[in-house]
Amino acid sequence: MNHTAEATGLEILGAILMVAWMVVMWAAVGALVVALRKPLRPWMFRTALGVIALGVVAQIGHFQEHVAQVGYWIQHPNSPAWMTPWGTGLANGFGQVNHMKPALGMELLHLVGNFHFLAGLVGIALVTHHALESKARKWGRMGVLMQGIHGLEHLALTLTVAFGTKAIGLSTIFGLLDPGPGAATYRIWWHFLANVIGTTIFAVALYHLWRERAVIEAPFRDPAAAKPKRAPAAAEGSGAPAFAAVTEA
């Protein structure tokens, strides 16, 4: 694929911005991990919401790439794996790291995309740190576990391409699949289903985060309510949220 100098520059810029996006998200996550050990402040809640929002935007772009790949496969099941033009451009940008390994750019693109997504899920787990009974916390922690495993898969794929000749991971049956339509089919659908599950968990966590926002935000507005507590058993039959005790002074 031929590119003009300007287009190549845009591709490289896009890759740099994606990495910067990831660094900003994880720097915020690190700051929150440290800050949550101290008295809570409103800025912590807003920062966590910012991380979550960036994760939502990133996953919309990431997920649509996998949807597009599956859509193309349905129409051309025996053709080589395909990426959208913007995905290809970003992969080309990342590929500047090593021109001798054409697949490395694509692996780096998906690795960075997955760490955007993981940071968003970690944001949910952190913002609900003092709402032990919230459903948003349960779904967020579930998402962190699953996406953490998926992130390790992409890390393995990236490292094996960077230091070897082929991608080795669950989606390649540890490198045993020979290149061709069969390998492409398995990998496309494997990552698509993993993203369907992860995105569904993220969406459910976001839904509960919206419904429980008042209770979740309360400790950040009132530090006296910040000690994690579980609601007494009697609260379950009273019609009040089971995690309401976290807002009590």
Foldseek 3Di string as FASTA:
>chain_A
DDDDPVLLVVLLVVLVVLVVLLVVLVVLLVVLVVPLVDQFALVSLVSLVVLLVQLVVLLVVVLVQLVVQVVVCVVVLFDAGDTDPSLVSNLSNQCVVDVVQSCLSNLVSVLSSLSSNLSNLSSQCSLQVQQVPFPLNVLSVVLNVLSVVVSVQSVQQNVCSVPHPGGAGPLQVGVPDDDGSVSRVSNSVVVNVSSVVSVVSSVVSVVSCVVCVVQSSLCNVPSVLRHRDFADPVVVPVPDDRRNSSNDD
